Each structure stands twice: as structure tokens, then as C-alpha cells.
């Protein structure tokens, strides 16, 4: 940005540098980091529970829920949501608050869900 030069009658000119305005929308360089919500495998929760939970909390259709349930089962974990830290924390907390598996008598609590910073 070029400086602004003001000239007043009977005085020396004055050069002012305009302050940079902060953009209202963050630029790519200033974009806030994103976080993944990770769902972890265990031996207690059923596929049905995972599918119902993913549909209730994330709106996944049953086929997408089954795909993610398989990923959790066979790889040990799956990314189920990616967003800002605040939104990711909310979704993680919703998973943790979903409660025990109603399809399994041995279940006493929710699935394990954690956050990790998404690669840039």
C-alpha cells in the first residue's frame, strides 16, 4: 500500500502510512487449524450401535455408517468428522455422551472418541 502524502498551506508536507485493515474473513494463511474426530475400536460395541450413533449424530445413512464401522473394526480407528477445534470438540463430546450400546448387555459406556490435528 502506498503512503499518503498530505500538504498543508504554509507548512511542510507530511507523509502518513495508512494502517492495514484487518480482513473480515481470514485469509488462507490465517485459516484456523482443523481437527479430526477419531472413533476407536473396542470389543464391546456392536456394528448396529456404531451405525445408529453415526446416523443420529452426523446424519450418515446406514450404508456410510456400516462402511465406517468396518473401518473402525478392521483398522482400529476411523475419522468420522473434521472441522474447527470447537466443532470437533462438540462432536467428540456428543459421541462420549451417546451412552452404552443398547444392543449389547456387556456395554457400560460409550465408544472412545478423541481429537487429532488434521494434516494441513
PDB file of N, CA and C in Angstrom:
ATOM      1  N   UNK A   1       0.859  -1.167   0.000  1.00  0.00           N
ATOM      2  CA  UNK A   1       0.000   0.000   0.000  1.00  0.00           C
ATOM      3  C   UNK A   1       0.902   1.225   0.000  1.00  0.00           C
ATOM      4  N   UNK A   2       0.577   2.173  -0.822  1.00  0.00           N
ATOM      5  CA  UNK A   2       1.408   3.372  -0.905  1.00  0.00           C
ATOM      6  C   UNK A   2       1.061   4.353   0.214  1.00  0.00           C
ATOM      7  N   UNK A   3       2.095   5.106   0.671  1.00  0.00           N
ATOM      8  CA  UNK A   3       1.833   6.101   1.717  1.00  0.00           C
ATOM      9  C   UNK A   3       1.011   7.257   1.151  1.00  0.00           C
ATOM     10  N   UNK A   4       0.375   7.947   2.030  1.00  0.00           N
ATOM     11  CA  UNK A   4      -0.446   9.102   1.667  1.00  0.00           C
ATOM     12  C   UNK A   4       0.325  10.355   2.064  1.00  0.00           C
ATOM     13  N   UNK A   5       0.516  11.246   1.119  1.00  0.00           N
ATOM     14  CA  UNK A   5       1.232  12.488   1.412  1.00  0.00           C
ATOM     15  C   UNK A   5       0.241  13.621   1.459  1.00  0.00           C
ATOM     16  N   UNK A   6       0.248  14.320   2.574  1.00  0.00           N
ATOM     17  CA  UNK A   6      -0.627  15.485   2.747  1.00  0.00           C
ATOM     18  C   UNK A   6       0.225  16.743   2.733  1.00  0.00           C
ATOM     19  N   UNK A   7      -0.246  17.760   2.050  1.00  0.00           N
ATOM     20  CA  UNK A   7       0.461  19.037   2.031  1.00  0.00           C
ATOM     21  C   UNK A   7      -0.471  20.102   2.566  1.00  0.00           C
ATOM     22  N   UNK A   8      -0.021  20.780   3.601  1.00  0.00           N
ATOM     23  CA  UNK A   8      -0.807  21.839   4.215  1.00  0.00           C
ATOM     24  C   UNK A   8      -0.255  23.183   3.756  1.00  0.00           C
ATOM     25  N   UNK A   9      -1.113  24.188   3.543  1.00  0.00           N
ATOM     26  CA  UNK A   9      -0.615  25.509   3.154  1.00  0.00           C
ATOM     27  C   UNK A   9       0.315  26.066   4.237  1.00  0.00           C
ATOM     28  N   UNK A  10       1.386  26.703   3.816  1.00  0.00           N
ATOM     29  CA  UNK A  10       2.360  27.341   4.704  1.00  0.00           C
ATOM     30  C   UNK A  10       3.016  26.351   5.668  1.00  0.00           C
ATOM     31  N   UNK A  11       3.127  25.083   5.287  1.00  0.00           N
ATOM     32  CA  UNK A  11       3.830  24.134   6.149  1.00  0.00           C
ATOM     33  C   UNK A  11       4.465  23.049   5.292  1.00  0.00           C
ATOM     34  N   UNK A  12       5.265  22.267   5.928  1.00  0.00           N
ATOM     35  CA  UNK A  12       5.918  21.167   5.221  1.00  0.00           C
ATOM     36  C   UNK A  12       4.895  20.062   4.964  1.00  0.00           C
ATOM     37  N   UNK A  13       5.172  19.258   3.976  1.00  0.00           N
ATOM     38  CA  UNK A  13       4.266  18.141   3.705  1.00  0.00           C
ATOM     39  C   UNK A  13       4.492  17.044   4.731  1.00  0.00           C
ATOM     40  N   UNK A  14       3.466  16.284   4.970  1.00  0.00           N
ATOM     41  CA  UNK A  14       3.507  15.202   5.946  1.00  0.00           C
ATOM     42  C   UNK A  14       3.118  13.912   5.248  1.00  0.00           C
ATOM     43  N   UNK A  15       3.888  12.895   5.493  1.00  0.00           N
ATOM     44  CA  UNK A  15       3.589  11.595   4.894  1.00  0.00           C
ATOM     45  C   UNK A  15       2.999  10.688   5.961  1.00  0.00           C
ATOM     46  N   UNK A  16       1.862  10.155   5.656  1.00  0.00           N
ATOM     47  CA  UNK A  16       1.184   9.233   6.573  1.00  0.00           C
ATOM     48  C   UNK A  16       1.118   7.854   5.933  1.00  0.00           C
ATOM     49  N   UNK A  17       1.311   6.860   6.718  1.00  0.00           N
ATOM     50  CA  UNK A  17       1.136   5.498   6.230  1.00  0.00           C
ATOM     51  C   UNK A  17      -0.210   5.016   6.749  1.00  0.00           C
ATOM     52  N   UNK A  18      -1.038   4.590   5.832  1.00  0.00           N
ATOM     53  CA  UNK A  18      -2.363   4.107   6.222  1.00  0.00           C
ATOM     54  C   UNK A  18      -2.231   2.785   6.967  1.00  0.00           C
ATOM     55  N   UNK A  19      -2.965   2.640   8.051  1.00  0.00           N
ATOM     56  CA  UNK A  19      -2.918   1.359   8.754  1.00  0.00           C
ATOM     57  C   UNK A  19      -3.590   0.279   7.905  1.00  0.00           C
ATOM     58  N   UNK A  20      -3.059  -0.905   8.009  1.00  0.00           N
ATOM     59  CA  UNK A  20      -3.666  -2.025   7.279  1.00  0.00           C
ATOM     60  C   UNK A  20      -4.945  -2.428   7.980  1.00  0.00           C
ATOM     61  N   UNK A  21      -5.981  -2.560   7.204  1.00  0.00           N
ATOM     62  CA  UNK A  21      -7.252  -3.024   7.763  1.00  0.00           C
ATOM     63  C   UNK A  21      -7.201  -4.528   7.920  1.00  0.00           C
ATOM     64  N   UNK A  22      -7.696  -5.017   9.037  1.00  0.00           N
ATOM     65  CA  UNK A  22      -7.780  -6.461   9.218  1.00  0.00           C
ATOM     66  C   UNK A  22      -8.921  -6.970   8.347  1.00  0.00           C
ATOM     67  N   UNK A  23      -8.655  -8.020   7.600  1.00  0.00           N
ATOM     68  CA  UNK A  23      -9.737  -8.562   6.776  1.00  0.00           C
ATOM     69  C   UNK A  23     -10.824  -9.161   7.651  1.00  0.00           C
ATOM     70  N   UNK A  24     -12.057  -9.019   7.208  1.00  0.00           N
ATOM     71  CA  UNK A  24     -13.165  -9.584   7.985  1.00  0.00           C
ATOM     72  C   UNK A  24     -13.169 -11.101   7.892  1.00  0.00           C
ATOM     73  N   UNK A  25     -12.764 -11.633   6.748  1.00  0.00           N
ATOM     74  CA  UNK A  25     -12.659 -13.076   6.594  1.00  0.00           C
ATOM     75  C   UNK A  25     -11.192 -13.438   6.627  1.00  0.00           C
ATOM     76  N   UNK A  26     -10.887 -14.534   7.318  1.00  0.00           N
ATOM     77  CA  UNK A  26      -9.497 -14.945   7.423  1.00  0.00           C
ATOM     78  C   UNK A  26      -8.981 -15.390   6.062  1.00  0.00           C
ATOM     79  N   UNK A  27      -7.740 -15.027   5.766  1.00  0.00           N
ATOM     80  CA  UNK A  27      -7.131 -15.465   4.515  1.00  0.00           C
ATOM     81  C   UNK A  27      -6.677 -16.904   4.675  1.00  0.00           C
ATOM     82  N   UNK A  28      -6.203 -17.504   3.601  1.00  0.00           N
ATOM     83  CA  UNK A  28      -5.733 -18.878   3.640  1.00  0.00           C
ATOM     84  C   UNK A  28      -4.611 -19.044   4.662  1.00  0.00           C
ATOM     85  N   UNK A  29      -3.691 -18.065   4.745  1.00  0.00           N
ATOM     86  CA  UNK A  29      -2.582 -18.167   5.676  1.00  0.00           C
ATOM     87  C   UNK A  29      -3.053 -18.122   7.129  1.00  0.00           C
ATOM     88  N   UNK A  30      -4.126 -17.420   7.382  1.00  0.00           N
ATOM     89  CA  UNK A  30      -4.611 -17.231   8.745  1.00  0.00           C
ATOM     90  C   UNK A  30      -5.715 -18.217   9.124  1.00  0.00           C
ATOM     91  N   UNK A  31      -6.045 -19.150   8.249  1.00  0.00           N
ATOM     92  CA  UNK A  31      -7.137 -20.078   8.496  1.00  0.00           C
ATOM     93  C   UNK A  31      -6.869 -20.902   9.751  1.00  0.00           C
ATOM     94  N   UNK A  32      -7.888 -21.058  10.576  1.00  0.00           N
ATOM     95  CA  UNK A  32      -7.687 -21.793  11.824  1.00  0.00           C
ATOM     96  C   UNK A  32      -7.481 -23.270  11.524  1.00  0.00           C
ATOM     97  N   UNK A  33      -6.691 -23.942  12.354  1.00  0.00           N
ATOM     98  CA  UNK A  33      -6.404 -25.362  12.112  1.00  0.00           C
ATOM     99  C   UNK A  33      -7.660 -26.215  12.219  1.00  0.00           C
ATOM    100  N   UNK A  34      -7.628 -27.346  11.531  1.00  0.00           N
ATOM    101  CA  UNK A  34      -8.754 -28.265  11.541  1.00  0.00           C
ATOM    102  C   UNK A  34      -8.383 -29.493  12.364  1.00  0.00           C
ATOM    103  N   UNK A  35      -9.412 -30.119  12.928  1.00  0.00           N
ATOM    104  CA  UNK A  35      -9.205 -31.272  13.791  1.00  0.00           C
ATOM    105  C   UNK A  35     -10.100 -32.423  13.358  1.00  0.00           C
ATOM    106  N   UNK A  36      -9.546 -33.627  13.428  1.00  0.00           N
ATOM    107  CA  UNK A  36     -10.297 -34.841  13.134  1.00  0.00           C
ATOM    108  C   UNK A  36     -10.879 -35.405  14.418  1.00  0.00           C
ATOM    109  N   UNK A  37     -12.104 -35.914  14.323  1.00  0.00           N
ATOM    110  CA  UNK A  37     -12.690 -36.698  15.403  1.00  0.00           C
ATOM    111  C   UNK A  37     -12.443 -38.158  15.034  1.00  0.00           C
ATOM    112  N   UNK A  38     -11.745 -38.858  15.916  1.00  0.00           N
ATOM    113  CA  UNK A  38     -11.362 -40.243  15.674  1.00  0.00           C
ATOM    114  C   UNK A  38     -12.235 -41.157  16.527  1.00  0.00           C
ATOM    115  N   UNK A  39     -12.810 -42.159  15.889  1.00  0.00           N
ATOM    116  CA  UNK A  39     -13.583 -43.191  16.582  1.00  0.00           C
ATOM    117  C   UNK A  39     -12.691 -44.422  16.680  1.00  0.00           C
ATOM    118  N   UNK A  40     -12.570 -44.986  17.899  1.00  0.00           N
ATOM    119  CA  UNK A  40     -11.655 -46.096  18.157  1.00  0.00           C
ATOM    120  C   UNK A  40     -12.411 -47.406  18.334  1.00  0.00           C
ATOM    121  N   UNK A  41     -11.770 -48.489  17.914  1.00  0.00           N
ATOM    122  CA  UNK A  41     -12.352 -49.824  18.032  1.00  0.00           C
ATOM    123  C   UNK A  41     -12.298 -50.323  19.480  1.00  0.00           C
ATOM    124  N   UNK A  42     -13.277 -51.134  19.826  1.00  0.00           N
ATOM    125  CA  UNK A  42     -13.237 -51.881  21.080  1.00  0.00           C
ATOM    126  C   UNK A  42     -13.973 -53.192  20.858  1.00  0.00           C
ATOM    127  N   UNK A  43     -13.961 -54.044  21.843  1.00  0.00           N
ATOM    128  CA  UNK A  43     -14.589 -55.359  21.712  1.00  0.00           C
ATOM    129  C   UNK A  43     -15.984 -55.408  22.309  1.00  0.00           C
ATOM    130  N   UNK A  44     -16.533 -54.252  22.680  1.00  0.00           N
ATOM    131  CA  UNK A  44     -17.811 -54.231  23.378  1.00  0.00           C
ATOM    132  C   UNK A  44     -18.962 -53.763  22.490  1.00  0.00           C
ATOM    133  N   UNK A  45     -18.749 -52.739  21.688  1.00  0.00           N
ATOM    134  CA  UNK A  45     -19.845 -52.133  20.926  1.00  0.00           C
ATOM    135  C   UNK A  45     -20.095 -52.872  19.614  1.00  0.00           C
ATOM    136  N   UNK A  46     -21.376 -52.971  19.274  1.00  0.00           N
ATOM    137  CA  UNK A  46     -21.786 -53.681  18.060  1.00  0.00           C
ATOM    138  C   UNK A  46     -21.791 -52.758  16.848  1.00  0.00           C
ATOM    139  N   UNK A  47     -21.792 -53.375  15.676  1.00  0.00           N
ATOM    140  CA  UNK A  47     -21.896 -52.611  14.434  1.00  0.00           C
ATOM    141  C   UNK A  47     -23.196 -51.817  14.419  1.00  0.00           C
ATOM    142  N   UNK A  48     -24.273 -52.411  14.914  1.00  0.00           N
ATOM    143  CA  UNK A  48     -25.571 -51.734  14.933  1.00  0.00           C
ATOM    144  C   UNK A  48     -25.488 -50.435  15.743  1.00  0.00           C
ATOM    145  N   UNK A  49     -24.835 -50.500  16.891  1.00  0.00           N
ATOM    146  CA  UNK A  49     -24.682 -49.313  17.730  1.00  0.00           C
ATOM    147  C   UNK A  49     -23.917 -48.218  16.983  1.00  0.00           C
ATOM    148  N   UNK A  50     -22.807 -48.607  16.360  1.00  0.00           N
ATOM    149  CA  UNK A  50     -21.997 -47.624  15.632  1.00  0.00           C
ATOM    150  C   UNK A  50     -22.810 -46.985  14.511  1.00  0.00           C
ATOM    151  N   UNK A  51     -23.541 -47.785  13.772  1.00  0.00           N
ATOM    152  CA  UNK A  51     -24.347 -47.274  12.656  1.00  0.00           C
ATOM    153  C   UNK A  51     -25.429 -46.322  13.162  1.00  0.00           C
ATOM    154  N   UNK A  52     -26.129 -46.699  14.219  1.00  0.00           N
ATOM    155  CA  UNK A  52     -27.187 -45.843  14.794  1.00  0.00           C
ATOM    156  C   UNK A  52     -26.596 -44.545  15.326  1.00  0.00           C
ATOM    157  N   UNK A  53     -25.462 -44.636  16.031  1.00  0.00           N
ATOM    158  CA  UNK A  53     -24.820 -43.446  16.601  1.00  0.00           C
ATOM    159  C   UNK A  53     -24.371 -42.490  15.494  1.00  0.00           C
ATOM    160  N   UNK A  54     -23.738 -43.019  14.448  1.00  0.00           N
ATOM    161  CA  UNK A  54     -23.267 -42.166  13.351  1.00  0.00           C
ATOM    162  C   UNK A  54     -24.443 -41.513  12.614  1.00  0.00           C
ATOM    163  N   UNK A  55     -25.539 -42.233  12.495  1.00  0.00           N
ATOM    164  CA  UNK A  55     -26.716 -41.659  11.849  1.00  0.00           C
ATOM    165  C   UNK A  55     -27.332 -40.564  12.725  1.00  0.00           C
ATOM    166  N   UNK A  56     -27.433 -40.822  14.019  1.00  0.00           N
ATOM    167  CA  UNK A  56     -28.052 -39.850  14.930  1.00  0.00           C
ATOM    168  C   UNK A  56     -27.214 -38.584  15.076  1.00  0.00           C
ATOM    169  N   UNK A  57     -25.900 -38.717  15.195  1.00  0.00           N
ATOM    170  CA  UNK A  57     -25.051 -37.560  15.469  1.00  0.00           C
ATOM    171  C   UNK A  57     -24.540 -36.840  14.228  1.00  0.00           C
ATOM    172  N   UNK A  58     -24.348 -37.589  13.140  1.00  0.00           N
ATOM    173  CA  UNK A  58     -23.722 -36.997  11.957  1.00  0.00           C
ATOM    174  C   UNK A  58     -24.616 -37.037  10.722  1.00  0.00           C
ATOM    175  N   UNK A  59     -25.727 -37.738  10.818  1.00  0.00           N
ATOM    176  CA  UNK A  59     -26.636 -37.827   9.677  1.00  0.00           C
ATOM    177  C   UNK A  59     -26.173 -38.784   8.591  1.00  0.00           C
ATOM    178  N   UNK A  60     -25.214 -39.678   8.914  1.00  0.00           N
ATOM    179  CA  UNK A  60     -24.749 -40.646   7.925  1.00  0.00           C
ATOM    180  C   UNK A  60     -25.848 -41.647   7.618  1.00  0.00           C
ATOM    181  N   UNK A  61     -26.064 -41.952   6.343  1.00  0.00           N
ATOM    182  CA  UNK A  61     -27.007 -43.023   6.030  1.00  0.00           C
ATOM    183  C   UNK A  61     -26.428 -44.364   6.500  1.00  0.00           C
ATOM    184  N   UNK A  62     -27.274 -45.373   6.674  1.00  0.00           N
ATOM    185  CA  UNK A  62     -26.792 -46.657   7.189  1.00  0.00           C
ATOM    186  C   UNK A  62     -25.614 -47.254   6.413  1.00  0.00           C
ATOM    187  N   UNK A  63     -25.602 -47.120   5.107  1.00  0.00           N
ATOM    188  CA  UNK A  63     -24.503 -47.690   4.313  1.00  0.00           C
ATOM    189  C   UNK A  63     -23.179 -47.012   4.662  1.00  0.00           C
ATOM    190  N   UNK A  64     -23.179 -45.685   4.823  1.00  0.00           N
ATOM    191  CA  UNK A  64     -21.963 -44.964   5.208  1.00  0.00           C
ATOM    192  C   UNK A  64     -21.562 -45.326   6.635  1.00  0.00           C
ATOM    193  N   UNK A  65     -22.539 -45.496   7.518  1.00  0.00           N
ATOM    194  CA  UNK A  65     -22.250 -45.922   8.887  1.00  0.00           C
ATOM    195  C   UNK A  65     -21.614 -47.303   8.924  1.00  0.00           C
ATOM    196  N   UNK A  66     -22.111 -48.213   8.091  1.00  0.00           N
ATOM    197  CA  UNK A  66     -21.544 -49.561   8.015  1.00  0.00           C
ATOM    198  C   UNK A  66     -20.111 -49.508   7.499  1.00  0.00           C
ATOM    199  N   UNK A  67     -19.870 -48.673   6.503  1.00  0.00           N
ATOM    200  CA  UNK A  67     -18.515 -48.528   5.962  1.00  0.00           C
ATOM    201  C   UNK A  67     -17.549 -48.042   7.052  1.00  0.00           C
ATOM    202  N   UNK A  68     -17.964 -47.038   7.822  1.00  0.00           N
ATOM    203  CA  UNK A  68     -17.120 -46.531   8.900  1.00  0.00           C
ATOM    204  C   UNK A  68     -16.969 -47.554  10.027  1.00  0.00           C
ATOM    205  N   UNK A  69     -18.028 -48.280  10.336  1.00  0.00           N
ATOM    206  CA  UNK A  69     -17.944 -49.325  11.359  1.00  0.00           C
ATOM    207  C   UNK A  69     -16.934 -50.392  10.944  1.00  0.00           C
ATOM    208  N   UNK A  70     -16.944 -50.766   9.681  1.00  0.00           N
ATOM    209  CA  UNK A  70     -15.957 -51.724   9.167  1.00  0.00           C
ATOM    210  C   UNK A  70     -14.540 -51.165   9.255  1.00  0.00           C
ATOM    211  N   UNK A  71     -14.378 -49.887   8.919  1.00  0.00           N
ATOM    212  CA  UNK A  71     -13.056 -49.266   9.001  1.00  0.00           C
ATOM    213  C   UNK A  71     -12.544 -49.280  10.445  1.00  0.00           C
ATOM    214  N   UNK A  72     -13.409 -48.932  11.386  1.00  0.00           N
ATOM    215  CA  UNK A  72     -13.018 -48.959  12.799  1.00  0.00           C
ATOM    216  C   UNK A  72     -12.640 -50.382  13.204  1.00  0.00           C
ATOM    217  N   UNK A  73     -13.461 -51.341  12.804  1.00  0.00           N
ATOM    218  CA  UNK A  73     -13.232 -52.732  13.195  1.00  0.00           C
ATOM    219  C   UNK A  73     -11.919 -53.284  12.620  1.00  0.00           C
ATOM    220  N   UNK A  74     -11.666 -53.027  11.347  1.00  0.00           N
ATOM    221  CA  UNK A  74     -10.514 -53.638  10.683  1.00  0.00           C
ATOM    222  C   UNK A  74      -9.212 -52.843  10.804  1.00  0.00           C
ATOM    223  N   UNK A  75      -9.293 -51.541  11.008  1.00  0.00           N
ATOM    224  CA  UNK A  75      -8.056 -50.745  11.117  1.00  0.00           C
ATOM    225  C   UNK A  75      -7.822 -50.226  12.533  1.00  0.00           C
ATOM    226  N   UNK A  76      -8.832 -50.339  13.392  1.00  0.00           N
ATOM    227  CA  UNK A  76      -8.690 -49.890  14.769  1.00  0.00           C
ATOM    228  C   UNK A  76      -9.196 -48.487  15.022  1.00  0.00           C
ATOM    229  N   UNK A  77      -9.443 -47.733  13.944  1.00  0.00           N
ATOM    230  CA  UNK A  77      -9.910 -46.352  14.102  1.00  0.00           C
ATOM    231  C   UNK A  77     -10.468 -45.844  12.776  1.00  0.00           C
ATOM    232  N   UNK A  78     -11.235 -44.750  12.863  1.00  0.00           N
ATOM    233  CA  UNK A  78     -11.743 -44.096  11.659  1.00  0.00           C
ATOM    234  C   UNK A  78     -11.986 -42.627  11.967  1.00  0.00           C
ATOM    235  N   UNK A  79     -11.707 -41.788  10.988  1.00  0.00           N
ATOM    236  CA  UNK A  79     -12.035 -40.368  11.094  1.00  0.00           C
ATOM    237  C   UNK A  79     -13.502 -40.225  10.717  1.00  0.00           C
ATOM    238  N   UNK A  80     -14.300 -39.682  11.639  1.00  0.00           N
ATOM    239  CA  UNK A  80     -15.731 -39.554  11.378  1.00  0.00           C
ATOM    240  C   UNK A  80     -16.166 -38.103  11.159  1.00  0.00           C
ATOM    241  N   UNK A  81     -15.270 -37.144  11.449  1.00  0.00           N
ATOM    242  CA  UNK A  81     -15.646 -35.730  11.323  1.00  0.00           C
ATOM    243  C   UNK A  81     -14.373 -34.902  11.336  1.00  0.00           C
ATOM    244  N   UNK A  82     -14.339 -33.844  10.537  1.00  0.00           N
ATOM    245  CA  UNK A  82     -13.205 -32.910  10.526  1.00  0.00           C
ATOM    246  C   UNK A  82     -13.753 -31.495  10.463  1.00  0.00           C
ATOM    247  N   UNK A  83     -13.269 -30.650  11.385  1.00  0.00           N
ATOM    248  CA  UNK A  83     -13.751 -29.265  11.430  1.00  0.00           C
ATOM    249  C   UNK A  83     -12.828 -28.447  12.328  1.00  0.00           C
ATOM    250  N   UNK A  84     -13.313 -27.262  12.684  1.00  0.00           N
ATOM    251  CA  UNK A  84     -12.570 -26.414  13.622  1.00  0.00           C
ATOM    252  C   UNK A  84     -12.493 -27.123  14.971  1.00  0.00           C
ATOM    253  N   UNK A  85     -11.594 -26.671  15.829  1.00  0.00           N
ATOM    254  CA  UNK A  85     -11.429 -27.297  17.138  1.00  0.00           C
ATOM    255  C   UNK A  85     -12.728 -27.277  17.928  1.00  0.00           C
ATOM    256  N   UNK A  86     -13.418 -26.155  17.943  1.00  0.00           N
ATOM    257  CA  UNK A  86     -14.656 -26.043  18.721  1.00  0.00           C
ATOM    258  C   UNK A  86     -15.716 -27.035  18.232  1.00  0.00           C
ATOM    259  N   UNK A  87     -15.920 -27.090  16.921  1.00  0.00           N
ATOM    260  CA  UNK A  87     -16.929 -28.011  16.377  1.00  0.00           C
ATOM    261  C   UNK A  87     -16.520 -29.462  16.581  1.00  0.00           C
ATOM    262  N   UNK A  88     -15.223 -29.759  16.436  1.00  0.00           N
ATOM    263  CA  UNK A  88     -14.737 -31.124  16.647  1.00  0.00           C
ATOM    264  C   UNK A  88     -14.917 -31.541  18.105  1.00  0.00           C
ATOM    265  N   UNK A  89     -14.652 -30.630  19.029  1.00  0.00           N
ATOM    266  CA  UNK A  89     -14.849 -30.936  20.452  1.00  0.00           C
ATOM    267  C   UNK A  89     -16.312 -31.245  20.745  1.00  0.00           C
ATOM    268  N   UNK A  90     -17.201 -30.500  20.128  1.00  0.00           N
ATOM    269  CA  UNK A  90     -18.637 -30.739  20.328  1.00  0.00           C
ATOM    270  C   UNK A  90     -19.021 -32.128  19.838  1.00  0.00           C
ATOM    271  N   UNK A  91     -18.560 -32.490  18.645  1.00  0.00           N
ATOM    272  CA  UNK A  91     -18.899 -33.800  18.085  1.00  0.00           C
ATOM    273  C   UNK A  91     -18.286 -34.931  18.910  1.00  0.00           C
ATOM    274  N   UNK A  92     -17.035 -34.768  19.348  1.00  0.00           N
ATOM    275  CA  UNK A  92     -16.407 -35.773  20.217  1.00  0.00           C
ATOM    276  C   UNK A  92     -17.232 -35.947  21.489  1.00  0.00           C
ATOM    277  N   UNK A  93     -17.628 -34.829  22.091  1.00  0.00           N
ATOM    278  CA  UNK A  93     -18.404 -34.886  23.324  1.00  0.00           C
ATOM    279  C   UNK A  93     -19.770 -35.532  23.106  1.00  0.00           C
ATOM    280  N   UNK A  94     -20.355 -35.333  21.938  1.00  0.00           N
ATOM    281  CA  UNK A  94     -21.637 -35.982  21.637  1.00  0.00           C
ATOM    282  C   UNK A  94     -21.465 -37.498  21.548  1.00  0.00           C
ATOM    283  N   UNK A  95     -20.356 -37.944  20.958  1.00  0.00           N
ATOM    284  CA  UNK A  95     -20.084 -39.382  20.902  1.00  0.00           C
ATOM    285  C   UNK A  95     -19.924 -39.932  22.316  1.00  0.00           C
ATOM    286  N   UNK A  96     -19.148 -39.230  23.135  1.00  0.00           N
ATOM    287  CA  UNK A  96     -18.902 -39.689  24.504  1.00  0.00           C
ATOM    288  C   UNK A  96     -20.172 -39.679  25.351  1.00  0.00           C
ATOM    289  N   UNK A  97     -21.125 -38.839  24.992  1.00  0.00           N
ATOM    290  CA  UNK A  97     -22.385 -38.747  25.740  1.00  0.00           C
ATOM    291  C   UNK A  97     -23.467 -39.668  25.181  1.00  0.00           C
ATOM    292  N   UNK A  98     -23.167 -40.388  24.106  1.00  0.00           N
ATOM    293  CA  UNK A  98     -24.197 -41.208  23.461  1.00  0.00           C
ATOM    294  C   UNK A  98     -24.610 -42.402  24.318  1.00  0.00           C
ATOM    295  N   UNK A  99     -23.768 -42.778  25.234  1.00  0.00           N
ATOM    296  CA  UNK A  99     -24.142 -43.824  26.184  1.00  0.00           C
ATOM    297  C   UNK A  99     -23.749 -45.219  25.746  1.00  0.00           C
ATOM    298  N   UNK A 100     -24.116 -46.206  26.559  1.00  0.00           N
ATOM    299  CA  UNK A 100     -23.746 -47.593  26.264  1.00  0.00           C
ATOM    300  C   UNK A 100     -24.526 -48.160  25.084  1.00  0.00           C
ATOM    301  N   UNK A 101     -24.022 -49.255  24.578  1.00  0.00           N
ATOM    302  CA  UNK A 101     -24.609 -49.958  23.441  1.00  0.00           C
ATOM    303  C   UNK A 101     -25.880 -50.678  23.893  1.00  0.00           C
ATOM    304  N   UNK A 102     -27.022 -50.270  23.383  1.00  0.00           N
ATOM    305  CA  UNK A 102     -28.293 -50.897  23.771  1.00  0.00           C
ATOM    306  C   UNK A 102     -28.469 -52.282  23.144  1.00  0.00           C
ATOM    307  N   UNK A 103     -27.593 -52.621  22.181  1.00  0.00           N
ATOM    308  CA  UNK A 103     -27.680 -53.921  21.513  1.00  0.00           C
ATOM    309  C   UNK A 103     -26.783 -54.972  22.181  1.00  0.00           C
ATOM    310  N   UNK A 104     -26.083 -54.576  23.245  1.00  0.00           N
ATOM    311  CA  UNK A 104     -25.114 -55.468  23.883  1.00  0.00           C
ATOM    312  C   UNK A 104     -25.214 -55.344  25.400  1.00  0.00           C
ATOM    313  N   UNK A 105     -25.409 -56.479  26.084  1.00  0.00           N
ATOM    314  CA  UNK A 105     -25.551 -56.463  27.538  1.00  0.00           C
ATOM    315  C   UNK A 105     -24.254 -56.110  28.263  1.00  0.00           C
ATOM    316  N   UNK A 106     -23.104 -56.332  27.628  1.00  0.00           N
ATOM    317  CA  UNK A 106     -21.808 -56.084  28.274  1.00  0.00           C
ATOM    318  C   UNK A 106     -21.357 -54.630  28.206  1.00  0.00           C
ATOM    319  N   UNK A 107     -22.031 -53.822  27.438  1.00  0.00           N
ATOM    320  CA  UNK A 107     -21.616 -52.429  27.255  1.00  0.00           C
ATOM    321  C   UNK A 107     -22.014 -51.593  28.466  1.00  0.00           C
ATOM    322  N   UNK A 108     -21.038 -50.849  28.983  1.00  0.00           N
ATOM    323  CA  UNK A 108     -21.316 -49.993  30.142  1.00  0.00           C
ATOM    324  C   UNK A 108     -21.067 -48.513  29.844  1.00  0.00           C
ATOM    325  N   UNK A 109     -20.621 -48.199  28.643  1.00  0.00           N
ATOM    326  CA  UNK A 109     -20.339 -46.807  28.318  1.00  0.00           C
ATOM    327  C   UNK A 109     -20.228 -46.596  26.821  1.00  0.00           C
ATOM    328  N   UNK A 110     -19.885 -45.383  26.425  1.00  0.00           N
ATOM    329  CA  UNK A 110     -19.839 -45.036  25.011  1.00  0.00           C
ATOM    330  C   UNK A 110     -18.568 -45.546  24.332  1.00  0.00           C
ATOM    331  N   UNK A 111     -18.533 -45.391  23.039  1.00  0.00           N
ATOM    332  CA  UNK A 111     -17.318 -45.624  22.283  1.00  0.00           C
ATOM    333  C   UNK A 111     -16.263 -44.601  22.666  1.00  0.00           C
ATOM    334  N   UNK A 112     -15.020 -44.924  22.420  1.00  0.00           N
ATOM    335  CA  UNK A 112     -13.936 -43.981  22.671  1.00  0.00           C
ATOM    336  C   UNK A 112     -13.782 -43.100  21.432  1.00  0.00           C
ATOM    337  N   UNK A 113     -13.724 -41.802  21.663  1.00  0.00           N
ATOM    338  CA  UNK A 113     -13.512 -40.829  20.581  1.00  0.00           C
ATOM    339  C   UNK A 113     -12.483 -39.815  21.061  1.00  0.00           C
ATOM    340  N   UNK A 114     -11.567 -39.465  20.187  1.00  0.00           N
ATOM    341  CA  UNK A 114     -10.533 -38.489  20.512  1.00  0.00           C
ATOM    342  C   UNK A 114     -10.395 -37.499  19.363  1.00  0.00           C
ATOM    343  N   UNK A 115      -9.576 -36.481  19.592  1.00  0.00           N
ATOM    344  CA  UNK A 115      -9.293 -35.488  18.564  1.00  0.00           C
ATOM    345  C   UNK A 115      -7.819 -35.558  18.180  1.00  0.00           C
ATOM    346  N   UNK A 116      -7.557 -35.236  16.926  1.00  0.00           N
ATOM    347  CA  UNK A 116      -6.180 -35.045  16.484  1.00  0.00           C
ATOM    348  C   UNK A 116      -6.173 -33.934  15.433  1.00  0.00           C
ATOM    349  N   UNK A 117      -5.088 -33.197  15.409  1.00  0.00           N
ATOM    350  CA  UNK A 117      -4.984 -32.132  14.428  1.00  0.00           C
ATOM    351  C   UNK A 117      -4.887 -32.744  13.038  1.00  0.00           C
ATOM    352  N   UNK A 118      -5.707 -32.237  12.127  1.00  0.00           N
ATOM    353  CA  UNK A 118      -5.700 -32.739  10.762  1.00  0.00           C
ATOM    354  C   UNK A 118      -4.461 -32.246  10.024  1.00  0.00           C
ATOM    355  N   UNK A 119      -3.910 -33.048   9.136  1.00  0.00           N
ATOM    356  CA  UNK A 119      -2.771 -32.577   8.354  1.00  0.00           C
ATOM    357  C   UNK A 119      -3.170 -31.364   7.515  1.00  0.00           C
ATOM    358  N   UNK A 120      -2.232 -30.482   7.309  1.00  0.00           N
ATOM    359  CA  UNK A 120      -2.531 -29.273   6.536  1.00  0.00           C
ATOM    360  C   UNK A 120      -2.375 -29.494   5.072  1.00  0.00           C
TER     361      UNK A 120
END
